[in-house]
Every structure is written in structure tokens, then in C-alpha cells.
Amino acid sequence: MKKRAPGVSHEKEQLREFRADPKLAAAYLNSAIQVAFDENEPELLLIALAAVARAYGMTHVAKEADLKRESLHRMLSKRGNPEWNSMFRVLKALHLRPRLESTGPAIA
């Protein structure tokens, strides 16, 4: 009986693709932030950011962001509530720059 090669989970393949193509990771995060805003579900962005951070290694990202690994895990959990300062450092560690766009007229 011939042994089958073990399959690769969707998550592992996604992480491999993010490591191989940083622009794909950025596009994924842009999509996640759009859905998070549309659905008023900010934790969706945290979940997506956690996936990208796992792709590059949580320990490495935490070190680059000058955070403890455990703090990074907690911050990017579904129940996380990161401070802007920490989120800014994580984005910089991942070599990402946020961009905002107007969705309508400013509040007067």
C-alpha cells in the first residue's frame, strides 16, 4: 500500500504564501480592514494581522516591534484591544504603512 503525502492545511499554505509574497499579505490586510469597517467588527483586522504576523514569525515580529511575544499574541487575539502605539509598532515591524481613504463628506 502506497503512503500518501500528508496534506497541507489551508492556514499553513496561506502563511507560506504571505512569506513568499509580502504584497499578497498587504492585500489580505487591506481586504480585512475593509470588511472590518463594513461589518463594524474590529476583531477581524486583529485576526488577519495575527495571521500575517504568524507568517513572519511571532517571535521575530515581537522583537522588531519591541514587544514581548506573549503581549503580541494577546494583543492580536480576537479579544485583543491594542493601543495605537503598539499597533503602529507591529505595522512598522511588518513593513506595512496604513492608508486611509474618504468614504464621504467630512462631518461639519
PDB file of N, CA and C in Angstrom:
ATOM      1  N   MET A   1       0.840  -1.173   0.000  1.00  0.00           N
ATOM      2  CA  MET A   1       0.000   0.000   0.000  1.00  0.00           C
ATOM      3  C   MET A   1       0.890   1.243   0.000  1.00  0.00           C
ATOM      4  N   LYS A   2       0.619   2.115  -0.925  1.00  0.00           N
ATOM      5  CA  LYS A   2       1.414   3.326  -1.070  1.00  0.00           C
ATOM      6  C   LYS A   2       0.948   4.379  -0.066  1.00  0.00           C
ATOM      7  N   LYS A   3       1.925   4.963   0.657  1.00  0.00           N
ATOM      8  CA  LYS A   3       1.583   6.015   1.624  1.00  0.00           C
ATOM      9  C   LYS A   3       1.324   7.312   0.870  1.00  0.00           C
ATOM     10  N   ARG A   4       0.330   8.037   1.347  1.00  0.00           N
ATOM     11  CA  ARG A   4       0.002   9.330   0.758  1.00  0.00           C
ATOM     12  C   ARG A   4       0.801  10.422   1.461  1.00  0.00           C
ATOM     13  N   ALA A   5       1.194  11.372   0.687  1.00  0.00           N
ATOM     14  CA  ALA A   5       1.890  12.521   1.278  1.00  0.00           C
ATOM     15  C   ALA A   5       0.905  13.289   2.161  1.00  0.00           C
ATOM     16  N   PRO A   6       1.376  13.722   3.312  1.00  0.00           N
ATOM     17  CA  PRO A   6       0.475  14.464   4.180  1.00  0.00           C
ATOM     18  C   PRO A   6       0.037  15.762   3.511  1.00  0.00           C
ATOM     19  N   GLY A   7      -1.216  16.123   3.724  1.00  0.00           N
ATOM     20  CA  GLY A   7      -1.746  17.354   3.151  1.00  0.00           C
ATOM     21  C   GLY A   7      -1.266  18.566   3.930  1.00  0.00           C
ATOM     22  N   VAL A   8      -1.395  19.683   3.312  1.00  0.00           N
ATOM     23  CA  VAL A   8      -1.034  20.948   3.944  1.00  0.00           C
ATOM     24  C   VAL A   8      -2.328  21.674   4.233  1.00  0.00           C
ATOM     25  N   SER A   9      -2.473  22.151   5.474  1.00  0.00           N
ATOM     26  CA  SER A   9      -3.697  22.853   5.826  1.00  0.00           C
ATOM     27  C   SER A   9      -3.786  24.172   5.079  1.00  0.00           C
ATOM     28  N   HIS A  10      -4.982  24.665   4.942  1.00  0.00           N
ATOM     29  CA  HIS A  10      -5.199  25.959   4.292  1.00  0.00           C
ATOM     30  C   HIS A  10      -4.410  27.048   4.997  1.00  0.00           C
ATOM     31  N   GLU A  11      -4.423  27.039   6.327  1.00  0.00           N
ATOM     32  CA  GLU A  11      -3.719  28.067   7.090  1.00  0.00           C
ATOM     33  C   GLU A  11      -2.213  28.019   6.825  1.00  0.00           C
ATOM     34  N   LYS A  12      -1.631  26.836   6.842  1.00  0.00           N
ATOM     35  CA  LYS A  12      -0.190  26.726   6.601  1.00  0.00           C
ATOM     36  C   LYS A  12       0.169  27.185   5.195  1.00  0.00           C
ATOM     37  N   GLU A  13      -0.662  26.840   4.223  1.00  0.00           N
ATOM     38  CA  GLU A  13      -0.403  27.273   2.852  1.00  0.00           C
ATOM     39  C   GLU A  13      -0.536  28.793   2.734  1.00  0.00           C
ATOM     40  N   GLN A  14      -1.525  29.364   3.410  1.00  0.00           N
ATOM     41  CA  GLN A  14      -1.711  30.809   3.403  1.00  0.00           C
ATOM     42  C   GLN A  14      -0.492  31.513   4.012  1.00  0.00           C
ATOM     43  N   LEU A  15       0.002  30.997   5.126  1.00  0.00           N
ATOM     44  CA  LEU A  15       1.171  31.589   5.773  1.00  0.00           C
ATOM     45  C   LEU A  15       2.397  31.498   4.863  1.00  0.00           C
ATOM     46  N   ARG A  16       2.554  30.381   4.180  1.00  0.00           N
ATOM     47  CA  ARG A  16       3.666  30.220   3.241  1.00  0.00           C
ATOM     48  C   ARG A  16       3.563  31.249   2.112  1.00  0.00           C
ATOM     49  N   GLU A  17       2.344  31.459   1.622  1.00  0.00           N
ATOM     50  CA  GLU A  17       2.149  32.427   0.539  1.00  0.00           C
ATOM     51  C   GLU A  17       2.432  33.853   1.015  1.00  0.00           C
ATOM     52  N   PHE A  18       2.057  34.173   2.241  1.00  0.00           N
ATOM     53  CA  PHE A  18       2.331  35.509   2.786  1.00  0.00           C
ATOM     54  C   PHE A  18       3.835  35.745   2.913  1.00  0.00           C
ATOM     55  N   ARG A  19       4.558  34.719   3.373  1.00  0.00           N
ATOM     56  CA  ARG A  19       6.023  34.846   3.479  1.00  0.00           C
ATOM     57  C   ARG A  19       6.652  35.060   2.109  1.00  0.00           C
ATOM     58  N   ALA A  20       6.138  34.357   1.102  1.00  0.00           N
ATOM     59  CA  ALA A  20       6.703  34.425  -0.241  1.00  0.00           C
ATOM     60  C   ALA A  20       6.334  35.723  -0.965  1.00  0.00           C
ATOM     61  N   ASP A  21       5.191  36.311  -0.599  1.00  0.00           N
ATOM     62  CA  ASP A  21       4.716  37.479  -1.329  1.00  0.00           C
ATOM     63  C   ASP A  21       4.154  38.523  -0.357  1.00  0.00           C
ATOM     64  N   PRO A  22       4.999  39.438   0.117  1.00  0.00           N
ATOM     65  CA  PRO A  22       4.535  40.467   1.061  1.00  0.00           C
ATOM     66  C   PRO A  22       3.389  41.322   0.511  1.00  0.00           C
ATOM     67  N   LYS A  23       3.321  41.489  -0.819  1.00  0.00           N
ATOM     68  CA  LYS A  23       2.213  42.266  -1.389  1.00  0.00           C
ATOM     69  C   LYS A  23       0.893  41.531  -1.230  1.00  0.00           C
ATOM     70  N   LEU A  24       0.926  40.215  -1.261  1.00  0.00           N
ATOM     71  CA  LEU A  24      -0.278  39.421  -1.023  1.00  0.00           C
ATOM     72  C   LEU A  24      -0.736  39.601   0.422  1.00  0.00           C
ATOM     73  N   ALA A  25       0.211  39.610   1.343  1.00  0.00           N
ATOM     74  CA  ALA A  25      -0.123  39.823   2.753  1.00  0.00           C
ATOM     75  C   ALA A  25      -0.747  41.200   2.949  1.00  0.00           C
ATOM     76  N   ALA A  26      -0.198  42.215   2.300  1.00  0.00           N
ATOM     77  CA  ALA A  26      -0.748  43.568   2.411  1.00  0.00           C
ATOM     78  C   ALA A  26      -2.149  43.628   1.806  1.00  0.00           C
ATOM     79  N   ALA A  27      -2.358  42.975   0.680  1.00  0.00           N
ATOM     80  CA  ALA A  27      -3.686  42.951   0.059  1.00  0.00           C
ATOM     81  C   ALA A  27      -4.691  42.255   0.969  1.00  0.00           C
ATOM     82  N   TYR A  28      -4.261  41.177   1.603  1.00  0.00           N
ATOM     83  CA  TYR A  28      -5.115  40.452   2.551  1.00  0.00           C
ATOM     84  C   TYR A  28      -5.520  41.361   3.713  1.00  0.00           C
ATOM     85  N   LEU A  29      -4.555  42.110   4.252  1.00  0.00           N
ATOM     86  CA  LEU A  29      -4.862  43.018   5.357  1.00  0.00           C
ATOM     87  C   LEU A  29      -5.761  44.164   4.909  1.00  0.00           C
ATOM     88  N   ASN A  30      -5.552  44.675   3.697  1.00  0.00           N
ATOM     89  CA  ASN A  30      -6.434  45.725   3.182  1.00  0.00           C
ATOM     90  C   ASN A  30      -7.863  45.216   3.043  1.00  0.00           C
ATOM     91  N   SER A  31      -8.019  43.998   2.571  1.00  0.00           N
ATOM     92  CA  SER A  31      -9.358  43.408   2.466  1.00  0.00           C
ATOM     93  C   SER A  31      -9.969  43.220   3.850  1.00  0.00           C
ATOM     94  N   ALA A  32      -9.152  42.762   4.787  1.00  0.00           N
ATOM     95  CA  ALA A  32      -9.649  42.531   6.149  1.00  0.00           C
ATOM     96  C   ALA A  32     -10.099  43.827   6.805  1.00  0.00           C
ATOM     97  N   ILE A  33      -9.336  44.893   6.621  1.00  0.00           N
ATOM     98  CA  ILE A  33      -9.723  46.158   7.245  1.00  0.00           C
ATOM     99  C   ILE A  33     -11.004  46.695   6.603  1.00  0.00           C
ATOM    100  N   GLN A  34     -11.164  46.485   5.303  1.00  0.00           N
ATOM    101  CA  GLN A  34     -12.387  46.922   4.623  1.00  0.00           C
ATOM    102  C   GLN A  34     -13.601  46.190   5.194  1.00  0.00           C
ATOM    103  N   VAL A  35     -13.502  44.880   5.311  1.00  0.00           N
ATOM    104  CA  VAL A  35     -14.606  44.092   5.862  1.00  0.00           C
ATOM    105  C   VAL A  35     -14.847  44.465   7.323  1.00  0.00           C
ATOM    106  N   ALA A  36     -13.765  44.656   8.081  1.00  0.00           N
ATOM    107  CA  ALA A  36     -13.902  45.032   9.493  1.00  0.00           C
ATOM    108  C   ALA A  36     -14.687  46.339   9.630  1.00  0.00           C
ATOM    109  N   PHE A  37     -14.376  47.318   8.789  1.00  0.00           N
ATOM    110  CA  PHE A  37     -15.110  48.581   8.828  1.00  0.00           C
ATOM    111  C   PHE A  37     -16.550  48.398   8.356  1.00  0.00           C
ATOM    112  N   ASP A  38     -16.739  47.684   7.252  1.00  0.00           N
ATOM    113  CA  ASP A  38     -18.087  47.486   6.705  1.00  0.00           C
ATOM    114  C   ASP A  38     -18.993  46.753   7.686  1.00  0.00           C
ATOM    115  N   GLU A  39     -18.440  45.777   8.379  1.00  0.00           N
ATOM    116  CA  GLU A  39     -19.219  44.943   9.299  1.00  0.00           C
ATOM    117  C   GLU A  39     -19.172  45.435  10.745  1.00  0.00           C
ATOM    118  N   ASN A  40     -18.409  46.503  10.998  1.00  0.00           N
ATOM    119  CA  ASN A  40     -18.213  47.028  12.355  1.00  0.00           C
ATOM    120  C   ASN A  40     -17.719  45.927  13.303  1.00  0.00           C
ATOM    121  N   GLU A  41     -16.716  45.193  12.824  1.00  0.00           N
ATOM    122  CA  GLU A  41     -16.133  44.073  13.562  1.00  0.00           C
ATOM    123  C   GLU A  41     -14.614  44.245  13.612  1.00  0.00           C
ATOM    124  N   PRO A  42     -14.096  45.112  14.501  1.00  0.00           N
ATOM    125  CA  PRO A  42     -12.655  45.384  14.511  1.00  0.00           C
ATOM    126  C   PRO A  42     -11.789  44.158  14.773  1.00  0.00           C
ATOM    127  N   GLU A  43     -12.339  43.149  15.426  1.00  0.00           N
ATOM    128  CA  GLU A  43     -11.516  41.968  15.699  1.00  0.00           C
ATOM    129  C   GLU A  43     -11.122  41.235  14.423  1.00  0.00           C
ATOM    130  N   LEU A  44     -11.848  41.445  13.323  1.00  0.00           N
ATOM    131  CA  LEU A  44     -11.468  40.812  12.056  1.00  0.00           C
ATOM    132  C   LEU A  44     -10.093  41.292  11.603  1.00  0.00           C
ATOM    133  N   LEU A  45      -9.807  42.555  11.816  1.00  0.00           N
ATOM    134  CA  LEU A  45      -8.482  43.069  11.465  1.00  0.00           C
ATOM    135  C   LEU A  45      -7.409  42.445  12.354  1.00  0.00           C
ATOM    136  N   LEU A  46      -7.710  42.283  13.634  1.00  0.00           N
ATOM    137  CA  LEU A  46      -6.731  41.670  14.541  1.00  0.00           C
ATOM    138  C   LEU A  46      -6.432  40.231  14.140  1.00  0.00           C
ATOM    139  N   ILE A  47      -7.471  39.504  13.742  1.00  0.00           N
ATOM    140  CA  ILE A  47      -7.294  38.112  13.320  1.00  0.00           C
ATOM    141  C   ILE A  47      -6.416  38.057  12.065  1.00  0.00           C
ATOM    142  N   ALA A  48      -6.671  38.951  11.115  1.00  0.00           N
ATOM    143  CA  ALA A  48      -5.877  38.985   9.889  1.00  0.00           C
ATOM    144  C   ALA A  48      -4.437  39.405  10.174  1.00  0.00           C
ATOM    145  N   LEU A  49      -4.271  40.395  11.034  1.00  0.00           N
ATOM    146  CA  LEU A  49      -2.925  40.850  11.378  1.00  0.00           C
ATOM    147  C   LEU A  49      -2.167  39.743  12.108  1.00  0.00           C
ATOM    148  N   ALA A  50      -2.857  38.975  12.933  1.00  0.00           N
ATOM    149  CA  ALA A  50      -2.223  37.846  13.620  1.00  0.00           C
ATOM    150  C   ALA A  50      -1.749  36.802  12.611  1.00  0.00           C
ATOM    151  N   ALA A  51      -2.544  36.557  11.569  1.00  0.00           N
ATOM    152  CA  ALA A  51      -2.147  35.574  10.550  1.00  0.00           C
ATOM    153  C   ALA A  51      -0.877  36.032   9.840  1.00  0.00           C
ATOM    154  N   VAL A  52      -0.802  37.303   9.497  1.00  0.00           N
ATOM    155  CA  VAL A  52       0.383  37.819   8.814  1.00  0.00           C
ATOM    156  C   VAL A  52       1.585  37.785   9.754  1.00  0.00           C
ATOM    157  N   ALA A  53       1.373  38.142  11.021  1.00  0.00           N
ATOM    158  CA  ALA A  53       2.474  38.091  11.995  1.00  0.00           C
ATOM    159  C   ALA A  53       2.970  36.653  12.170  1.00  0.00           C
ATOM    160  N   ARG A  54       2.062  35.673  12.185  1.00  0.00           N
ATOM    161  CA  ARG A  54       2.482  34.266  12.280  1.00  0.00           C
ATOM    162  C   ARG A  54       3.297  33.860  11.063  1.00  0.00           C
ATOM    163  N   ALA A  55       2.934  34.396   9.898  1.00  0.00           N
ATOM    164  CA  ALA A  55       3.670  34.061   8.676  1.00  0.00           C
ATOM    165  C   ALA A  55       5.133  34.483   8.786  1.00  0.00           C
ATOM    166  N   TYR A  56       5.378  35.604   9.424  1.00  0.00           N
ATOM    167  CA  TYR A  56       6.748  36.110   9.553  1.00  0.00           C
ATOM    168  C   TYR A  56       7.402  35.701  10.863  1.00  0.00           C
ATOM    169  N   GLY A  57       6.645  35.016  11.697  1.00  0.00           N
ATOM    170  CA  GLY A  57       7.163  34.538  12.974  1.00  0.00           C
ATOM    171  C   GLY A  57       6.839  35.522  14.094  1.00  0.00           C
ATOM    172  N   MET A  58       6.008  35.090  15.008  1.00  0.00           N
ATOM    173  CA  MET A  58       5.571  35.967  16.100  1.00  0.00           C
ATOM    174  C   MET A  58       6.755  36.460  16.919  1.00  0.00           C
ATOM    175  N   THR A  59       7.730  35.593  17.160  1.00  0.00           N
ATOM    176  CA  THR A  59       8.887  35.999  17.958  1.00  0.00           C
ATOM    177  C   THR A  59       9.660  37.098  17.235  1.00  0.00           C
ATOM    178  N   HIS A  60       9.864  36.930  15.948  1.00  0.00           N
ATOM    179  CA  HIS A  60      10.584  37.928  15.161  1.00  0.00           C
ATOM    180  C   HIS A  60       9.814  39.253  15.133  1.00  0.00           C
ATOM    181  N   VAL A  61       8.512  39.196  14.879  1.00  0.00           N
ATOM    182  CA  VAL A  61       7.695  40.410  14.820  1.00  0.00           C
ATOM    183  C   VAL A  61       7.695  41.109  16.174  1.00  0.00           C
ATOM    184  N   ALA A  62       7.543  40.337  17.248  1.00  0.00           N
ATOM    185  CA  ALA A  62       7.542  40.929  18.593  1.00  0.00           C
ATOM    186  C   ALA A  62       8.869  41.631  18.863  1.00  0.00           C
ATOM    187  N   LYS A  63       9.951  40.984  18.486  1.00  0.00           N
ATOM    188  CA  LYS A  63      11.269  41.597  18.703  1.00  0.00           C
ATOM    189  C   LYS A  63      11.408  42.881  17.909  1.00  0.00           C
ATOM    190  N   GLU A  64      11.020  42.858  16.641  1.00  0.00           N
ATOM    191  CA  GLU A  64      11.108  44.047  15.789  1.00  0.00           C
ATOM    192  C   GLU A  64      10.203  45.170  16.292  1.00  0.00           C
ATOM    193  N   ALA A  65       9.076  44.805  16.899  1.00  0.00           N
ATOM    194  CA  ALA A  65       8.122  45.797  17.400  1.00  0.00           C
ATOM    195  C   ALA A  65       8.432  46.212  18.834  1.00  0.00           C
ATOM    196  N   ASP A  66       9.467  45.629  19.405  1.00  0.00           N
ATOM    197  CA  ASP A  66       9.848  45.906  20.790  1.00  0.00           C
ATOM    198  C   ASP A  66       8.713  45.589  21.755  1.00  0.00           C
ATOM    199  N   LEU A  67       8.131  44.390  21.548  1.00  0.00           N
ATOM    200  CA  LEU A  67       7.062  43.888  22.411  1.00  0.00           C
ATOM    201  C   LEU A  67       7.452  42.494  22.893  1.00  0.00           C
ATOM    202  N   LYS A  68       6.849  42.071  23.975  1.00  0.00           N
ATOM    203  CA  LYS A  68       7.022  40.685  24.406  1.00  0.00           C
ATOM    204  C   LYS A  68       6.131  39.812  23.527  1.00  0.00           C
ATOM    205  N   ARG A  69       6.627  38.624  23.212  1.00  0.00           N
ATOM    206  CA  ARG A  69       5.867  37.712  22.346  1.00  0.00           C
ATOM    207  C   ARG A  69       4.480  37.437  22.895  1.00  0.00           C
ATOM    208  N   GLU A  70       4.394  37.218  24.199  1.00  0.00           N
ATOM    209  CA  GLU A  70       3.104  36.943  24.835  1.00  0.00           C
ATOM    210  C   GLU A  70       2.163  38.135  24.692  1.00  0.00           C
ATOM    211  N   SER A  71       2.712  39.339  24.801  1.00  0.00           N
ATOM    212  CA  SER A  71       1.897  40.549  24.646  1.00  0.00           C
ATOM    213  C   SER A  71       1.375  40.662  23.220  1.00  0.00           C
ATOM    214  N   LEU A  72       2.216  40.313  22.249  1.00  0.00           N
ATOM    215  CA  LEU A  72       1.800  40.355  20.858  1.00  0.00           C
ATOM    216  C   LEU A  72       0.671  39.361  20.614  1.00  0.00           C
ATOM    217  N   HIS A  73       0.818  38.146  21.127  1.00  0.00           N
ATOM    218  CA  HIS A  73      -0.251  37.143  20.992  1.00  0.00           C
ATOM    219  C   HIS A  73      -1.549  37.665  21.592  1.00  0.00           C
ATOM    220  N   ARG A  74      -1.472  38.199  22.782  1.00  0.00           N
ATOM    221  CA  ARG A  74      -2.664  38.696  23.480  1.00  0.00           C
ATOM    222  C   ARG A  74      -3.279  39.868  22.713  1.00  0.00           C
ATOM    223  N   MET A  75      -2.435  40.770  22.252  1.00  0.00           N
ATOM    224  CA  MET A  75      -2.888  41.950  21.531  1.00  0.00           C
ATOM    225  C   MET A  75      -3.631  41.581  20.248  1.00  0.00           C
ATOM    226  N   LEU A  76      -3.149  40.561  19.548  1.00  0.00           N
ATOM    227  CA  LEU A  76      -3.728  40.169  18.270  1.00  0.00           C
ATOM    228  C   LEU A  76      -4.772  39.069  18.395  1.00  0.00           C
ATOM    229  N   SER A  77      -5.183  38.764  19.604  1.00  0.00           N
ATOM    230  CA  SER A  77      -6.234  37.764  19.790  1.00  0.00           C
ATOM    231  C   SER A  77      -7.584  38.388  19.450  1.00  0.00           C
ATOM    232  N   LYS A  78      -8.584  37.553  19.292  1.00  0.00           N
ATOM    233  CA  LYS A  78      -9.926  38.028  18.956  1.00  0.00           C
ATOM    234  C   LYS A  78     -10.440  39.022  19.993  1.00  0.00           C
ATOM    235  N   ARG A  79     -10.034  38.859  21.226  1.00  0.00           N
ATOM    236  CA  ARG A  79     -10.465  39.757  22.304  1.00  0.00           C
ATOM    237  C   ARG A  79      -9.450  40.856  22.595  1.00  0.00           C
ATOM    238  N   GLY A  80      -8.416  40.938  21.766  1.00  0.00           N
ATOM    239  CA  GLY A  80      -7.375  41.933  21.979  1.00  0.00           C
ATOM    240  C   GLY A  80      -7.913  43.351  21.838  1.00  0.00           C
ATOM    241  N   ASN A  81      -7.273  44.249  22.521  1.00  0.00           N
ATOM    242  CA  ASN A  81      -7.646  45.663  22.445  1.00  0.00           C
ATOM    243  C   ASN A  81      -6.345  46.468  22.440  1.00  0.00           C
ATOM    244  N   PRO A  82      -5.616  46.403  21.321  1.00  0.00           N
ATOM    245  CA  PRO A  82      -4.289  47.030  21.300  1.00  0.00           C
ATOM    246  C   PRO A  82      -4.347  48.548  21.358  1.00  0.00           C
ATOM    247  N   GLU A  83      -3.348  49.108  21.972  1.00  0.00           N
ATOM    248  CA  GLU A  83      -3.183  50.554  21.935  1.00  0.00           C
ATOM    249  C   GLU A  83      -2.615  50.913  20.568  1.00  0.00           C
ATOM    250  N   TRP A  84      -2.889  52.125  20.124  1.00  0.00           N
ATOM    251  CA  TRP A  84      -2.398  52.549  18.819  1.00  0.00           C
ATOM    252  C   TRP A  84      -0.877  52.462  18.750  1.00  0.00           C
ATOM    253  N   ASN A  85      -0.206  52.833  19.815  1.00  0.00           N
ATOM    254  CA  ASN A  85       1.254  52.797  19.838  1.00  0.00           C
ATOM    255  C   ASN A  85       1.774  51.389  19.535  1.00  0.00           C
ATOM    256  N   SER A  86       1.166  50.391  20.137  1.00  0.00           N
ATOM    257  CA  SER A  86       1.580  49.000  19.897  1.00  0.00           C
ATOM    258  C   SER A  86       1.239  48.564  18.480  1.00  0.00           C
ATOM    259  N   MET A  87       0.053  48.924  18.013  1.00  0.00           N
ATOM    260  CA  MET A  87      -0.370  48.560  16.664  1.00  0.00           C
ATOM    261  C   MET A  87       0.556  49.213  15.628  1.00  0.00           C
ATOM    262  N   PHE A  88       0.917  50.458  15.870  1.00  0.00           N
ATOM    263  CA  PHE A  88       1.828  51.180  14.990  1.00  0.00           C
ATOM    264  C   PHE A  88       3.166  50.450  14.903  1.00  0.00           C
ATOM    265  N   ARG A  89       3.688  50.014  16.043  1.00  0.00           N
ATOM    266  CA  ARG A  89       4.980  49.319  16.061  1.00  0.00           C
ATOM    267  C   ARG A  89       4.900  47.981  15.335  1.00  0.00           C
ATOM    268  N   VAL A  90       3.782  47.275  15.465  1.00  0.00           N
ATOM    269  CA  VAL A  90       3.619  45.997  14.763  1.00  0.00           C
ATOM    270  C   VAL A  90       3.568  46.238  13.256  1.00  0.00           C
ATOM    271  N   LEU A  91       2.815  47.237  12.823  1.00  0.00           N
ATOM    272  CA  LEU A  91       2.752  47.544  11.390  1.00  0.00           C
ATOM    273  C   LEU A  91       4.130  47.893  10.847  1.00  0.00           C
ATOM    274  N   LYS A  92       4.891  48.687  11.607  1.00  0.00           N
ATOM    275  CA  LYS A  92       6.246  49.035  11.175  1.00  0.00           C
ATOM    276  C   LYS A  92       7.134  47.790  11.123  1.00  0.00           C
ATOM    277  N   ALA A  93       6.992  46.897  12.088  1.00  0.00           N
ATOM    278  CA  ALA A  93       7.787  45.665  12.113  1.00  0.00           C
ATOM    279  C   ALA A  93       7.482  44.786  10.899  1.00  0.00           C
ATOM    280  N   LEU A  94       6.234  44.839  10.428  1.00  0.00           N
ATOM    281  CA  LEU A  94       5.830  44.066   9.260  1.00  0.00           C
ATOM    282  C   LEU A  94       6.073  44.827   7.954  1.00  0.00           C
ATOM    283  N   HIS A  95       6.684  46.003   8.062  1.00  0.00           N
ATOM    284  CA  HIS A  95       6.965  46.856   6.899  1.00  0.00           C
ATOM    285  C   HIS A  95       5.688  47.203   6.144  1.00  0.00           C
ATOM    286  N   LEU A  96       4.651  47.573   6.922  1.00  0.00           N
ATOM    287  CA  LEU A  96       3.366  47.976   6.361  1.00  0.00           C
ATOM    288  C   LEU A  96       3.090  49.430   6.713  1.00  0.00           C
ATOM    289  N   ARG A  97       2.421  50.117   5.825  1.00  0.00           N
ATOM    290  CA  ARG A  97       2.037  51.505   6.057  1.00  0.00           C
ATOM    291  C   ARG A  97       0.536  51.612   5.802  1.00  0.00           C
ATOM    292  N   PRO A  98      -0.222  52.023   6.813  1.00  0.00           N
ATOM    293  CA  PRO A  98      -1.673  52.160   6.603  1.00  0.00           C
ATOM    294  C   PRO A  98      -1.986  53.347   5.693  1.00  0.00           C
ATOM    295  N   ARG A  99      -3.063  53.242   4.977  1.00  0.00           N
ATOM    296  CA  ARG A  99      -3.531  54.320   4.114  1.00  0.00           C
ATOM    297  C   ARG A  99      -5.032  54.445   4.324  1.00  0.00           C
ATOM    298  N   LEU A 100      -5.481  55.655   4.505  1.00  0.00           N
ATOM    299  CA  LEU A 100      -6.895  55.916   4.728  1.00  0.00           C
ATOM    300  C   LEU A 100      -7.492  56.577   3.499  1.00  0.00           C
ATOM    301  N   GLU A 101      -8.786  56.346   3.287  1.00  0.00           N
ATOM    302  CA  GLU A 101      -9.475  56.999   2.196  1.00  0.00           C
ATOM    303  C   GLU A 101     -10.815  57.498   2.695  1.00  0.00           C
ATOM    304  N   SER A 102     -11.287  58.549   2.078  1.00  0.00           N
ATOM    305  CA  SER A 102     -12.570  59.141   2.456  1.00  0.00           C
ATOM    306  C   SER A 102     -13.709  58.274   1.948  1.00  0.00           C
ATOM    307  N   THR A 103     -14.738  58.126   2.764  1.00  0.00           N
ATOM    308  CA  THR A 103     -15.931  57.397   2.336  1.00  0.00           C
ATOM    309  C   THR A 103     -17.095  58.347   2.127  1.00  0.00           C
ATOM    310  N   GLY A 104     -16.854  59.638   2.296  1.00  0.00           N
ATOM    311  CA  GLY A 104     -17.911  60.633   2.115  1.00  0.00           C
ATOM    312  C   GLY A 104     -17.463  61.969   2.649  1.00  0.00           C
ATOM    313  N   PRO A 105     -18.389  62.912   2.692  1.00  0.00           N
ATOM    314  CA  PRO A 105     -18.015  64.235   3.176  1.00  0.00           C
ATOM    315  C   PRO A 105     -17.669  64.210   4.667  1.00  0.00           C
ATOM    316  N   ALA A 106     -16.755  65.099   5.042  1.00  0.00           N
ATOM    317  CA  ALA A 106     -16.357  65.209   6.452  1.00  0.00           C
ATOM    318  C   ALA A 106     -17.523  65.731   7.280  1.00  0.00           C
ATOM    319  N   ILE A 107     -17.524  65.354   8.530  1.00  0.00           N
ATOM    320  CA  ILE A 107     -18.545  65.854   9.456  1.00  0.00           C
ATOM    321  C   ILE A 107     -18.257  67.330   9.728  1.00  0.00           C
ATOM    322  N   ALA A 108     -19.282  68.135   9.570  1.00  0.00           N
ATOM    323  CA  ALA A 108     -19.094  69.593   9.781  1.00  0.00           C
ATOM    324  C   ALA A 108     -19.423  69.988  11.199  1.00  0.00           C
TER     325      ALA A 108
END
